[in-house]
């Protein structure tokens, strides 16, 4: 990865990987599967945002207080 891409992609990937454990696996997979830095950062950011949105939607539903 070029220094400029690393400065952009790495903080985003690290920030997103603290949200949920599968992001670490996705980040490693993206780095191994895609040799081009721009594609890497797009894949990492896209998948990270997808999981983040999914988690927030699932979290919103799971934290509802059940009606008895």
Protein backbone atom coordinates (compact mmCIF):
# COMPACT_ATOMS: atom_id res chain seq x y z
CA UNK A 1 0.00 0.00 0.00
CA UNK A 2 1.23 3.48 -0.78
CA UNK A 3 1.79 5.80 2.19
CA UNK A 4 -1.10 8.05 1.19
CA UNK A 5 -3.56 5.15 0.87
CA UNK A 6 -2.32 3.68 4.15
CA UNK A 7 -2.96 6.96 5.95
CA UNK A 8 -6.55 6.93 4.71
CA UNK A 9 -7.44 3.24 4.77
CA UNK A 10 -5.67 2.09 7.92
CA UNK A 11 -7.40 4.40 10.45
CA UNK A 12 -10.78 3.63 8.86
CA UNK A 13 -10.11 -0.11 8.95
CA UNK A 14 -8.81 0.00 12.53
CA UNK A 15 -11.76 2.09 13.67
CA UNK A 16 -14.25 -0.25 12.04
CA UNK A 17 -12.48 -3.38 13.24
CA UNK A 18 -13.01 -2.30 16.84
CA UNK A 19 -16.77 -2.39 16.25
CA UNK A 20 -16.99 -6.10 15.50
CA UNK A 21 -14.57 -9.05 15.28
CA UNK A 22 -15.43 -10.24 11.72
CA UNK A 23 -14.03 -7.00 10.34
CA UNK A 24 -10.52 -8.17 11.20
CA UNK A 25 -11.05 -11.25 9.05
CA UNK A 26 -12.57 -9.17 6.25
CA UNK A 27 -9.70 -6.69 6.41
CA UNK A 28 -7.10 -9.47 6.16
CA UNK A 29 -9.04 -11.12 3.34
CA UNK A 30 -9.26 -7.85 1.44
CA UNK A 31 -5.53 -7.20 1.85
CA UNK A 32 -4.62 -10.71 0.68
CA UNK A 33 -7.16 -10.91 -2.13
CA UNK A 34 -6.68 -7.50 -3.72
CA UNK A 35 -3.11 -6.37 -4.50
CA UNK A 36 -4.14 -2.87 -5.60
CA UNK A 37 -4.28 -0.25 -2.80
CA UNK A 38 -7.29 1.66 -4.13
CA UNK A 39 -9.36 -1.51 -4.46
CA UNK A 40 -8.19 -2.58 -0.98
CA UNK A 41 -9.36 0.62 0.65
CA UNK A 42 -12.68 0.54 -1.21
CA UNK A 43 -13.34 -3.08 -0.25
CA UNK A 44 -12.33 -2.52 3.38
CA UNK A 45 -14.44 0.62 3.70
CA UNK A 46 -17.44 -0.81 1.84
CA UNK A 47 -17.58 -4.05 3.77
CA UNK A 48 -16.92 -2.23 7.01
CA UNK A 49 -19.79 0.17 6.44
CA UNK A 50 -22.09 -2.69 5.42
CA UNK A 51 -21.37 -4.56 8.64
CA UNK A 52 -21.64 -1.37 10.68
CA UNK A 53 -25.07 -0.60 9.20
CA UNK A 54 -26.20 -4.21 9.69
CA UNK A 55 -25.04 -4.21 13.30
CA UNK A 56 -26.80 -0.94 14.04
CA UNK A 57 -30.04 -2.23 12.51
CA UNK A 58 -29.83 -5.54 14.38
CA UNK A 59 -28.78 -3.79 17.57
CA UNK A 60 -31.72 -1.43 17.41
CA UNK A 61 -34.10 -4.39 17.18
CA UNK A 62 -32.40 -6.53 19.82
CA UNK A 63 -32.34 -3.74 22.42
CA UNK A 64 -36.12 -3.25 22.34
CA UNK A 65 -37.84 -3.84 25.65
CA UNK A 66 -40.26 -6.75 25.17
CA UNK A 67 -43.94 -6.07 25.75
CA UNK A 68 -45.46 -8.45 28.27
